[in-house]
């Protein structure tokens, strides 16, 4: 019988996770043998993931948002564990990149029937990231969502922070080196994607695929405030890439620096400030995910107790 550990961040999604887990936990406990761990403060999920694996857990389910997923991954022994996701946070963008259902109850009903899929991870000196890491405007948006925007949840929190920063943010100089090439100049933001979505559904790097062995990068250069406002609705569909000051490229390694101490966000959480040196780690993580279009559905044989 497979051993399943659920690492639950009850405050993720501003309390949404706790409410959702109260419905799902009894349903899962009727079918599966679960170990349940609760986080109490930032960083707990990393330590709990390591503890759960040391106790024999084969599947680790991150119950929360992208930040919870990030912490769990950074605590895993990647060669010996399988990750599952129960999206209940503010963004849940890795789940979007993996094709998860939008309804977390639908995910709960199907998660353990999905076949593990190997995906890439991004790596820097501060650890791994699963989805998107960025600096500039988006880093400041993530900082505000986590620290100053208190009255909104989910997409509304990201939208409120975006609107605030449209007024207050100033484009700053960036220096970018990637696979032997260089660029420097003023920029609105740079987003390095393993997956294509962030900030609650913005399709920031449309070509990004989580298992192609590359980062896909969106560099928004010196875009003015009115242009940024016009671009914003199109980001949900990835149409911003048509703008003359937006460049999309791919790389396996990238170095980003600035004379300004720009905030870095990784998977929606604050990851310090620039400089930042990144490399892609191909097929680093095994994760339960729906079958991709054109691929056969498979089942993971989870036995009932």
C-alpha atoms as a PDB file:
ATOM      1  CA  UNK A   1       0.000   0.000   0.000  1.00  0.00           C
ATOM      2  CA  UNK A   2       1.397   3.380  -0.970  1.00  0.00           C
ATOM      3  CA  UNK A   3       2.084   5.753   1.909  1.00  0.00           C
ATOM      4  CA  UNK A   4       0.643   9.222   1.357  1.00  0.00           C
ATOM      5  CA  UNK A   5       1.601  12.321   3.363  1.00  0.00           C
ATOM      6  CA  UNK A   6      -0.455  15.518   3.100  1.00  0.00           C
ATOM      7  CA  UNK A   7       1.327  18.737   4.021  1.00  0.00           C
ATOM      8  CA  UNK A   8      -1.399  21.278   4.711  1.00  0.00           C
ATOM      9  CA  UNK A   9      -0.882  25.031   4.879  1.00  0.00           C
ATOM     10  CA  UNK A  10      -4.166  26.069   6.553  1.00  0.00           C
ATOM     11  CA  UNK A  11      -3.628  29.814   6.014  1.00  0.00           C
ATOM     12  CA  UNK A  12      -2.935  29.530   2.265  1.00  0.00           C
ATOM     13  CA  UNK A  13      -5.444  31.384   0.130  1.00  0.00           C
ATOM     14  CA  UNK A  14      -6.256  33.549   3.183  1.00  0.00           C
ATOM     15  CA  UNK A  15      -7.945  30.607   4.924  1.00  0.00           C
ATOM     16  CA  UNK A  16      -9.397  28.926   1.833  1.00  0.00           C
ATOM     17  CA  UNK A  17      -7.169  25.889   2.340  1.00  0.00           C
ATOM     18  CA  UNK A  18      -8.485  25.201   5.847  1.00  0.00           C
ATOM     19  CA  UNK A  19     -12.085  25.285   4.622  1.00  0.00           C
ATOM     20  CA  UNK A  20     -11.354  23.070   1.630  1.00  0.00           C
ATOM     21  CA  UNK A  21      -9.308  20.570   3.631  1.00  0.00           C
ATOM     22  CA  UNK A  22     -12.152  20.099   6.108  1.00  0.00           C
ATOM     23  CA  UNK A  23     -14.175  18.665   3.197  1.00  0.00           C
ATOM     24  CA  UNK A  24     -11.451  16.613   1.560  1.00  0.00           C
ATOM     25  CA  UNK A  25      -9.668  15.074   4.547  1.00  0.00           C
ATOM     26  CA  UNK A  26     -12.551  12.806   5.659  1.00  0.00           C
ATOM     27  CA  UNK A  27     -13.186  11.781   2.041  1.00  0.00           C
ATOM     28  CA  UNK A  28      -9.567  10.743   1.528  1.00  0.00           C
ATOM     29  CA  UNK A  29      -9.260   9.040   4.917  1.00  0.00           C
ATOM     30  CA  UNK A  30     -12.115   6.722   3.966  1.00  0.00           C
ATOM     31  CA  UNK A  31     -10.101   5.503   0.963  1.00  0.00           C
ATOM     32  CA  UNK A  32      -6.399   5.911   1.697  1.00  0.00           C
ATOM     33  CA  UNK A  33      -3.851   5.624   4.470  1.00  0.00           C
ATOM     34  CA  UNK A  34      -2.806   9.231   5.158  1.00  0.00           C
ATOM     35  CA  UNK A  35      -0.277  11.004   7.302  1.00  0.00           C
ATOM     36  CA  UNK A  36      -1.308  14.648   7.772  1.00  0.00           C
ATOM     37  CA  UNK A  37       1.089  17.448   8.688  1.00  0.00           C
ATOM     38  CA  UNK A  38       0.138  21.093   9.303  1.00  0.00           C
ATOM     39  CA  UNK A  39       2.389  24.086   8.768  1.00  0.00           C
ATOM     40  CA  UNK A  40       2.475  26.887  11.320  1.00  0.00           C
ATOM     41  CA  UNK A  41       4.992  29.323   9.861  1.00  0.00           C
ATOM     42  CA  UNK A  42       6.953  29.972   6.646  1.00  0.00           C
ATOM     43  CA  UNK A  43       9.470  27.234   5.930  1.00  0.00           C
ATOM     44  CA  UNK A  44       7.580  24.547   7.843  1.00  0.00           C
ATOM     45  CA  UNK A  45       6.496  22.706   4.701  1.00  0.00           C
ATOM     46  CA  UNK A  46      10.143  22.158   3.719  1.00  0.00           C
ATOM     47  CA  UNK A  47      10.985  20.536   7.037  1.00  0.00           C
ATOM     48  CA  UNK A  48       7.744  18.540   7.095  1.00  0.00           C
ATOM     49  CA  UNK A  49       8.349  17.174   3.590  1.00  0.00           C
ATOM     50  CA  UNK A  50      11.736  15.860   4.682  1.00  0.00           C
ATOM     51  CA  UNK A  51      10.219  14.395   7.862  1.00  0.00           C
ATOM     52  CA  UNK A  52       7.393  12.701   5.950  1.00  0.00           C
ATOM     53  CA  UNK A  53       9.801  11.051   3.541  1.00  0.00           C
ATOM     54  CA  UNK A  54      12.023   9.930   6.409  1.00  0.00           C
ATOM     55  CA  UNK A  55       8.933   8.189   7.819  1.00  0.00           C
ATOM     56  CA  UNK A  56       8.386   6.352   4.557  1.00  0.00           C
ATOM     57  CA  UNK A  57       5.963   8.559   2.614  1.00  0.00           C
ATOM     58  CA  UNK A  58       6.067   7.814  -1.108  1.00  0.00           C
ATOM     59  CA  UNK A  59       3.592  10.505  -2.239  1.00  0.00           C
ATOM     60  CA  UNK A  60       3.714  14.013  -0.763  1.00  0.00           C
ATOM     61  CA  UNK A  61       0.605  16.108  -1.391  1.00  0.00           C
ATOM     62  CA  UNK A  62       1.061  19.872  -1.074  1.00  0.00           C
ATOM     63  CA  UNK A  63      -2.273  21.256   0.150  1.00  0.00           C
ATOM     64  CA  UNK A  64      -2.172  24.999  -0.407  1.00  0.00           C
ATOM     65  CA  UNK A  65      -0.896  27.352  -3.078  1.00  0.00           C
ATOM     66  CA  UNK A  66       2.235  27.702  -5.195  1.00  0.00           C
ATOM     67  CA  UNK A  67       4.285  28.847  -2.205  1.00  0.00           C
ATOM     68  CA  UNK A  68       3.386  25.661  -0.328  1.00  0.00           C
ATOM     69  CA  UNK A  69       4.345  23.596  -3.371  1.00  0.00           C
ATOM     70  CA  UNK A  70       7.683  25.426  -3.549  1.00  0.00           C
ATOM     71  CA  UNK A  71       8.471  24.656   0.087  1.00  0.00           C
ATOM     72  CA  UNK A  72       7.490  20.983  -0.214  1.00  0.00           C
ATOM     73  CA  UNK A  73       9.662  20.508  -3.307  1.00  0.00           C
ATOM     74  CA  UNK A  74      12.624  22.099  -1.540  1.00  0.00           C
ATOM     75  CA  UNK A  75      12.257  19.578   1.291  1.00  0.00           C
ATOM     76  CA  UNK A  76      11.872  16.481  -0.892  1.00  0.00           C
ATOM     77  CA  UNK A  77      14.394  13.836  -1.793  1.00  0.00           C
ATOM     78  CA  UNK A  78      13.569  14.267  -5.450  1.00  0.00           C
ATOM     79  CA  UNK A  79      14.806  10.886  -6.642  1.00  0.00           C
ATOM     80  CA  UNK A  80      12.573   8.958  -4.252  1.00  0.00           C
ATOM     81  CA  UNK A  81       9.287  10.856  -3.985  1.00  0.00           C
ATOM     82  CA  UNK A  82       6.188  11.703  -5.989  1.00  0.00           C
ATOM     83  CA  UNK A  83       4.491  15.076  -5.595  1.00  0.00           C
ATOM     84  CA  UNK A  84       0.739  15.623  -5.672  1.00  0.00           C
ATOM     85  CA  UNK A  85      -1.003  18.999  -5.650  1.00  0.00           C
ATOM     86  CA  UNK A  86      -4.279  20.059  -4.083  1.00  0.00           C
ATOM     87  CA  UNK A  87      -4.746  23.646  -5.289  1.00  0.00           C
ATOM     88  CA  UNK A  88      -6.217  25.848  -2.582  1.00  0.00           C
ATOM     89  CA  UNK A  89      -4.039  28.975  -2.564  1.00  0.00           C
ATOM     90  CA  UNK A  90      -4.166  32.405  -4.163  1.00  0.00           C
ATOM     91  CA  UNK A  91      -2.536  31.523  -7.486  1.00  0.00           C
ATOM     92  CA  UNK A  92      -2.334  27.752  -8.073  1.00  0.00           C
ATOM     93  CA  UNK A  93      -0.418  28.445 -11.260  1.00  0.00           C
ATOM     94  CA  UNK A  94       1.667  25.272 -11.421  1.00  0.00           C
ATOM     95  CA  UNK A  95      -1.626  23.370 -11.459  1.00  0.00           C
ATOM     96  CA  UNK A  96      -2.707  25.439 -14.469  1.00  0.00           C
ATOM     97  CA  UNK A  97       0.570  24.673 -16.235  1.00  0.00           C
ATOM     98  CA  UNK A  98       0.005  20.949 -15.547  1.00  0.00           C
ATOM     99  CA  UNK A  99      -3.587  20.977 -16.787  1.00  0.00           C
ATOM    100  CA  UNK A 100      -5.269  20.362 -13.423  1.00  0.00           C
ATOM    101  CA  UNK A 101      -9.045  20.947 -13.171  1.00  0.00           C
ATOM    102  CA  UNK A 102      -9.989  24.407 -11.921  1.00  0.00           C
ATOM    103  CA  UNK A 103     -12.241  22.863  -9.260  1.00  0.00           C
ATOM    104  CA  UNK A 104     -10.109  21.500  -6.361  1.00  0.00           C
ATOM    105  CA  UNK A 105     -12.851  19.002  -5.448  1.00  0.00           C
ATOM    106  CA  UNK A 106     -12.520  17.522  -8.931  1.00  0.00           C
ATOM    107  CA  UNK A 107      -8.772  17.310  -8.386  1.00  0.00           C
ATOM    108  CA  UNK A 108      -9.337  15.573  -5.042  1.00  0.00           C
ATOM    109  CA  UNK A 109     -11.554  12.967  -6.698  1.00  0.00           C
ATOM    110  CA  UNK A 110      -8.979  12.158  -9.393  1.00  0.00           C
ATOM    111  CA  UNK A 111      -5.507  12.924  -8.016  1.00  0.00           C
ATOM    112  CA  UNK A 112      -4.466   9.395  -7.071  1.00  0.00           C
ATOM    113  CA  UNK A 113      -5.688   7.972 -10.387  1.00  0.00           C
ATOM    114  CA  UNK A 114      -3.244  10.110 -12.383  1.00  0.00           C
ATOM    115  CA  UNK A 115       0.074   8.791 -13.628  1.00  0.00           C
ATOM    116  CA  UNK A 116       3.287  10.415 -12.347  1.00  0.00           C
ATOM    117  CA  UNK A 117       4.915  12.705 -14.887  1.00  0.00           C
ATOM    118  CA  UNK A 118       8.491  13.953 -14.737  1.00  0.00           C
ATOM    119  CA  UNK A 119       8.899  17.722 -15.042  1.00  0.00           C
ATOM    120  CA  UNK A 120      11.789  20.159 -14.985  1.00  0.00           C
ATOM    121  CA  UNK A 121      12.710  22.422 -12.083  1.00  0.00           C
ATOM    122  CA  UNK A 122      14.503  25.739 -11.959  1.00  0.00           C
ATOM    123  CA  UNK A 123      17.470  26.037  -9.617  1.00  0.00           C
ATOM    124  CA  UNK A 124      19.343  28.920  -8.039  1.00  0.00           C
ATOM    125  CA  UNK A 125      21.508  29.332  -4.950  1.00  0.00           C
ATOM    126  CA  UNK A 126      18.335  29.827  -2.870  1.00  0.00           C
ATOM    127  CA  UNK A 127      16.776  26.522  -3.893  1.00  0.00           C
ATOM    128  CA  UNK A 128      14.400  25.163  -6.512  1.00  0.00           C
ATOM    129  CA  UNK A 129      11.378  26.773  -8.089  1.00  0.00           C
ATOM    130  CA  UNK A 130       8.645  24.913  -9.931  1.00  0.00           C
ATOM    131  CA  UNK A 131       6.846  27.456 -12.076  1.00  0.00           C
ATOM    132  CA  UNK A 132       7.969  31.074 -12.634  1.00  0.00           C
ATOM    133  CA  UNK A 133      10.610  33.290 -11.072  1.00  0.00           C
ATOM    134  CA  UNK A 134      10.737  37.003 -11.830  1.00  0.00           C
ATOM    135  CA  UNK A 135      12.039  40.422 -10.870  1.00  0.00           C
ATOM    136  CA  UNK A 136      10.834  43.955 -11.375  1.00  0.00           C
ATOM    137  CA  UNK A 137       7.171  44.863 -11.529  1.00  0.00           C
ATOM    138  CA  UNK A 138       6.028  41.300 -10.811  1.00  0.00           C
ATOM    139  CA  UNK A 139       8.363  40.971  -7.842  1.00  0.00           C
ATOM    140  CA  UNK A 140       6.833  44.076  -6.317  1.00  0.00           C
ATOM    141  CA  UNK A 141       3.325  42.773  -7.043  1.00  0.00           C
ATOM    142  CA  UNK A 142       4.150  39.528  -5.222  1.00  0.00           C
ATOM    143  CA  UNK A 143       5.627  41.474  -2.306  1.00  0.00           C
ATOM    144  CA  UNK A 144       2.442  43.517  -1.940  1.00  0.00           C
ATOM    145  CA  UNK A 145       0.176  40.452  -2.244  1.00  0.00           C
ATOM    146  CA  UNK A 146       2.112  38.796   0.574  1.00  0.00           C
ATOM    147  CA  UNK A 147       2.565  41.827   2.801  1.00  0.00           C
ATOM    148  CA  UNK A 148       0.256  44.782   2.148  1.00  0.00           C
ATOM    149  CA  UNK A 149      -2.868  43.655   0.252  1.00  0.00           C
ATOM    150  CA  UNK A 150      -5.021  42.322   3.088  1.00  0.00           C
ATOM    151  CA  UNK A 151      -8.636  42.704   1.968  1.00  0.00           C
ATOM    152  CA  UNK A 152      -8.647  40.583  -1.185  1.00  0.00           C
ATOM    153  CA  UNK A 153      -8.120  36.903  -1.995  1.00  0.00           C
ATOM    154  CA  UNK A 154      -6.942  34.934  -5.022  1.00  0.00           C
ATOM    155  CA  UNK A 155      -6.996  36.755  -8.353  1.00  0.00           C
ATOM    156  CA  UNK A 156      -8.514  39.843  -6.726  1.00  0.00           C
ATOM    157  CA  UNK A 157      -5.430  40.244  -4.513  1.00  0.00           C
ATOM    158  CA  UNK A 158      -3.121  40.078  -7.530  1.00  0.00           C
ATOM    159  CA  UNK A 159      -5.293  42.512  -9.497  1.00  0.00           C
ATOM    160  CA  UNK A 160      -5.350  45.006  -6.596  1.00  0.00           C
ATOM    161  CA  UNK A 161      -1.554  44.853  -6.328  1.00  0.00           C
ATOM    162  CA  UNK A 162      -1.110  45.224 -10.092  1.00  0.00           C
ATOM    163  CA  UNK A 163      -3.326  48.330 -10.145  1.00  0.00           C
ATOM    164  CA  UNK A 164      -1.446  49.834  -7.206  1.00  0.00           C
ATOM    165  CA  UNK A 165       1.930  49.261  -8.855  1.00  0.00           C
ATOM    166  CA  UNK A 166       0.750  50.707 -12.144  1.00  0.00           C
ATOM    167  CA  UNK A 167       0.743  54.001 -10.259  1.00  0.00           C
ATOM    168  CA  UNK A 168       3.810  53.608  -8.055  1.00  0.00           C
ATOM    169  CA  UNK A 169       6.324  51.375  -9.882  1.00  0.00           C
ATOM    170  CA  UNK A 170       9.222  52.829 -11.902  1.00  0.00           C
ATOM    171  CA  UNK A 171      11.037  50.863 -14.606  1.00  0.00           C
ATOM    172  CA  UNK A 172      14.637  50.060 -13.636  1.00  0.00           C
ATOM    173  CA  UNK A 173      17.879  49.013 -15.368  1.00  0.00           C
ATOM    174  CA  UNK A 174      18.465  45.294 -15.872  1.00  0.00           C
ATOM    175  CA  UNK A 175      21.466  43.303 -17.044  1.00  0.00           C
ATOM    176  CA  UNK A 176      20.662  39.888 -18.505  1.00  0.00           C
ATOM    177  CA  UNK A 177      23.055  37.148 -19.660  1.00  0.00           C
ATOM    178  CA  UNK A 178      21.629  33.973 -21.161  1.00  0.00           C
ATOM    179  CA  UNK A 179      23.355  31.099 -22.960  1.00  0.00           C
ATOM    180  CA  UNK A 180      26.256  33.325 -24.033  1.00  0.00           C
ATOM    181  CA  UNK A 181      24.166  36.365 -25.034  1.00  0.00           C
ATOM    182  CA  UNK A 182      23.673  39.698 -23.248  1.00  0.00           C
ATOM    183  CA  UNK A 183      21.064  42.438 -22.958  1.00  0.00           C
ATOM    184  CA  UNK A 184      20.968  45.560 -20.804  1.00  0.00           C
ATOM    185  CA  UNK A 185      18.558  48.450 -20.503  1.00  0.00           C
ATOM    186  CA  UNK A 186      15.536  49.728 -18.614  1.00  0.00           C
ATOM    187  CA  UNK A 187      12.815  47.162 -18.114  1.00  0.00           C
ATOM    188  CA  UNK A 188       9.397  46.729 -16.566  1.00  0.00           C
ATOM    189  CA  UNK A 189      10.020  43.094 -15.611  1.00  0.00           C
ATOM    190  CA  UNK A 190      11.674  39.825 -16.453  1.00  0.00           C
ATOM    191  CA  UNK A 191       9.868  36.513 -15.860  1.00  0.00           C
ATOM    192  CA  UNK A 192      11.666  33.193 -16.242  1.00  0.00           C
ATOM    193  CA  UNK A 193       9.186  30.393 -16.779  1.00  0.00           C
ATOM    194  CA  UNK A 194       9.340  26.670 -16.267  1.00  0.00           C
ATOM    195  CA  UNK A 195       5.541  26.831 -16.510  1.00  0.00           C
ATOM    196  CA  UNK A 196       3.643  29.482 -18.438  1.00  0.00           C
ATOM    197  CA  UNK A 197       1.266  30.995 -15.827  1.00  0.00           C
ATOM    198  CA  UNK A 198       1.700  33.185 -12.768  1.00  0.00           C
ATOM    199  CA  UNK A 199      -0.125  35.715 -10.573  1.00  0.00           C
ATOM    200  CA  UNK A 200      -3.379  33.774 -10.605  1.00  0.00           C
ATOM    201  CA  UNK A 201      -3.653  32.928 -14.304  1.00  0.00           C
ATOM    202  CA  UNK A 202      -1.575  35.469 -16.226  1.00  0.00           C
ATOM    203  CA  UNK A 203      -0.065  33.604 -19.193  1.00  0.00           C
ATOM    204  CA  UNK A 204       3.227  35.422 -18.915  1.00  0.00           C
ATOM    205  CA  UNK A 205       5.403  33.030 -20.976  1.00  0.00           C
ATOM    206  CA  UNK A 206       3.026  31.275 -23.407  1.00  0.00           C
ATOM    207  CA  UNK A 207       5.598  28.896 -24.960  1.00  0.00           C
ATOM    208  CA  UNK A 208       6.749  27.491 -21.611  1.00  0.00           C
ATOM    209  CA  UNK A 209       6.373  23.737 -21.164  1.00  0.00           C
ATOM    210  CA  UNK A 210       7.282  22.116 -17.857  1.00  0.00           C
ATOM    211  CA  UNK A 211       9.185  19.215 -19.404  1.00  0.00           C
ATOM    212  CA  UNK A 212      11.058  20.586 -22.448  1.00  0.00           C
ATOM    213  CA  UNK A 213      14.425  21.163 -20.730  1.00  0.00           C
ATOM    214  CA  UNK A 214      14.353  24.954 -21.221  1.00  0.00           C
ATOM    215  CA  UNK A 215      13.346  28.128 -19.480  1.00  0.00           C
ATOM    216  CA  UNK A 216      11.129  30.412 -21.539  1.00  0.00           C
ATOM    217  CA  UNK A 217      11.655  34.052 -20.641  1.00  0.00           C
ATOM    218  CA  UNK A 218       9.494  37.141 -20.975  1.00  0.00           C
ATOM    219  CA  UNK A 219      11.457  40.400 -20.980  1.00  0.00           C
ATOM    220  CA  UNK A 220       9.191  43.442 -20.919  1.00  0.00           C
ATOM    221  CA  UNK A 221      11.480  46.339 -21.704  1.00  0.00           C
ATOM    222  CA  UNK A 222      10.846  50.029 -21.024  1.00  0.00           C
ATOM    223  CA  UNK A 223       7.057  49.834 -21.373  1.00  0.00           C
ATOM    224  CA  UNK A 224       5.233  52.969 -20.216  1.00  0.00           C
ATOM    225  CA  UNK A 225       2.378  53.013 -17.712  1.00  0.00           C
ATOM    226  CA  UNK A 226      -0.399  53.547 -20.250  1.00  0.00           C
ATOM    227  CA  UNK A 227       1.040  50.845 -22.488  1.00  0.00           C
ATOM    228  CA  UNK A 228       1.253  48.487 -19.489  1.00  0.00           C
ATOM    229  CA  UNK A 229      -2.388  49.194 -18.688  1.00  0.00           C
ATOM    230  CA  UNK A 230      -3.371  48.414 -22.287  1.00  0.00           C
ATOM    231  CA  UNK A 231      -1.262  45.241 -22.292  1.00  0.00           C
ATOM    232  CA  UNK A 232      -2.624  43.829 -19.039  1.00  0.00           C
ATOM    233  CA  UNK A 233      -5.911  42.299 -20.286  1.00  0.00           C
ATOM    234  CA  UNK A 234      -4.046  40.542 -23.072  1.00  0.00           C
ATOM    235  CA  UNK A 235      -1.644  38.826 -20.679  1.00  0.00           C
ATOM    236  CA  UNK A 236      -4.412  36.410 -19.643  1.00  0.00           C
ATOM    237  CA  UNK A 237      -4.333  35.030 -23.184  1.00  0.00           C
ATOM    238  CA  UNK A 238      -0.616  35.538 -23.799  1.00  0.00           C
ATOM    239  CA  UNK A 239      -1.235  38.305 -26.366  1.00  0.00           C
ATOM    240  CA  UNK A 240       1.265  40.716 -24.768  1.00  0.00           C
ATOM    241  CA  UNK A 241       4.028  38.930 -26.673  1.00  0.00           C
ATOM    242  CA  UNK A 242       3.026  40.865 -29.819  1.00  0.00           C
ATOM    243  CA  UNK A 243       4.099  44.185 -28.273  1.00  0.00           C
ATOM    244  CA  UNK A 244       7.227  45.736 -29.771  1.00  0.00           C
ATOM    245  CA  UNK A 245       8.865  46.094 -26.319  1.00  0.00           C
ATOM    246  CA  UNK A 246       8.157  42.522 -25.190  1.00  0.00           C
ATOM    247  CA  UNK A 247      10.655  39.819 -26.090  1.00  0.00           C
ATOM    248  CA  UNK A 248      10.233  36.065 -25.575  1.00  0.00           C
ATOM    249  CA  UNK A 249      13.277  33.791 -25.730  1.00  0.00           C
ATOM    250  CA  UNK A 250      14.473  30.500 -24.263  1.00  0.00           C
ATOM    251  CA  UNK A 251      17.609  29.450 -22.430  1.00  0.00           C
ATOM    252  CA  UNK A 252      18.989  26.764 -20.158  1.00  0.00           C
ATOM    253  CA  UNK A 253      20.919  29.218 -17.980  1.00  0.00           C
ATOM    254  CA  UNK A 254      20.334  32.878 -17.211  1.00  0.00           C
ATOM    255  CA  UNK A 255      21.931  35.535 -14.998  1.00  0.00           C
ATOM    256  CA  UNK A 256      19.984  38.655 -14.001  1.00  0.00           C
ATOM    257  CA  UNK A 257      21.373  41.710 -12.213  1.00  0.00           C
ATOM    258  CA  UNK A 258      20.505  45.341 -11.563  1.00  0.00           C
ATOM    259  CA  UNK A 259      22.075  48.322  -9.802  1.00  0.00           C
ATOM    260  CA  UNK A 260      18.776  48.457  -7.879  1.00  0.00           C
ATOM    261  CA  UNK A 261      17.961  45.834  -5.218  1.00  0.00           C
ATOM    262  CA  UNK A 262      14.903  44.537  -7.068  1.00  0.00           C
ATOM    263  CA  UNK A 263      12.623  42.092  -5.279  1.00  0.00           C
ATOM    264  CA  UNK A 264      12.605  38.562  -6.700  1.00  0.00           C
ATOM    265  CA  UNK A 265       9.472  36.405  -6.566  1.00  0.00           C
ATOM    266  CA  UNK A 266       9.526  32.656  -7.091  1.00  0.00           C
ATOM    267  CA  UNK A 267       6.245  30.736  -7.305  1.00  0.00           C
ATOM    268  CA  UNK A 268       4.479  33.775  -5.858  1.00  0.00           C
ATOM    269  CA  UNK A 269       6.722  34.025  -2.778  1.00  0.00           C
ATOM    270  CA  UNK A 270       9.525  36.487  -2.040  1.00  0.00           C
ATOM    271  CA  UNK A 271      12.923  34.980  -2.898  1.00  0.00           C
ATOM    272  CA  UNK A 272      15.203  37.849  -1.884  1.00  0.00           C
ATOM    273  CA  UNK A 273      16.662  40.399  -4.300  1.00  0.00           C
ATOM    274  CA  UNK A 274      18.863  40.470  -7.406  1.00  0.00           C
ATOM    275  CA  UNK A 275      21.394  39.294  -8.548  1.00  0.00           C
ATOM    276  CA  UNK A 276      20.056  35.907  -9.612  1.00  0.00           C
ATOM    277  CA  UNK A 277      21.753  33.004 -11.383  1.00  0.00           C
ATOM    278  CA  UNK A 278      19.424  30.285 -12.712  1.00  0.00           C
ATOM    279  CA  UNK A 279      19.694  26.941 -14.466  1.00  0.00           C
ATOM    280  CA  UNK A 280      17.086  24.425 -15.549  1.00  0.00           C
ATOM    281  CA  UNK A 281      17.238  20.897 -14.118  1.00  0.00           C
ATOM    282  CA  UNK A 282      15.526  18.602 -16.642  1.00  0.00           C
ATOM    283  CA  UNK A 283      13.118  15.875 -15.465  1.00  0.00           C
ATOM    284  CA  UNK A 284      13.970  16.584 -11.828  1.00  0.00           C
ATOM    285  CA  UNK A 285      10.562  16.015 -10.230  1.00  0.00           C
ATOM    286  CA  UNK A 286       7.899  13.314 -10.470  1.00  0.00           C
ATOM    287  CA  UNK A 287       4.414  14.814 -10.103  1.00  0.00           C
ATOM    288  CA  UNK A 288       0.889  13.406 -10.377  1.00  0.00           C
ATOM    289  CA  UNK A 289      -0.837  15.113 -13.299  1.00  0.00           C
ATOM    290  CA  UNK A 290      -3.665  14.559 -15.779  1.00  0.00           C
ATOM    291  CA  UNK A 291      -2.661  12.912 -19.045  1.00  0.00           C
ATOM    292  CA  UNK A 292      -1.713  15.407 -21.715  1.00  0.00           C
ATOM    293  CA  UNK A 293      -3.759  15.565 -24.916  1.00  0.00           C
ATOM    294  CA  UNK A 294      -2.568  12.825 -27.216  1.00  0.00           C
ATOM    295  CA  UNK A 295      -1.180  10.758 -24.341  1.00  0.00           C
ATOM    296  CA  UNK A 296      -2.981   7.755 -22.839  1.00  0.00           C
ATOM    297  CA  UNK A 297      -4.513   8.052 -19.420  1.00  0.00           C
ATOM    298  CA  UNK A 298      -2.854   5.956 -16.763  1.00  0.00           C
ATOM    299  CA  UNK A 299      -3.587   4.981 -13.223  1.00  0.00           C
ATOM    300  CA  UNK A 300      -1.403   4.971 -10.145  1.00  0.00           C
ATOM    301  CA  UNK A 301      -2.339   1.834  -8.191  1.00  0.00           C
ATOM    302  CA  UNK A 302      -3.289   3.280  -4.812  1.00  0.00           C
ATOM    303  CA  UNK A 303      -4.807   0.464  -2.773  1.00  0.00           C
ATOM    304  CA  UNK A 304      -7.590   0.889  -0.283  1.00  0.00           C
ATOM    305  CA  UNK A 305      -6.732  -0.109   3.283  1.00  0.00           C
END
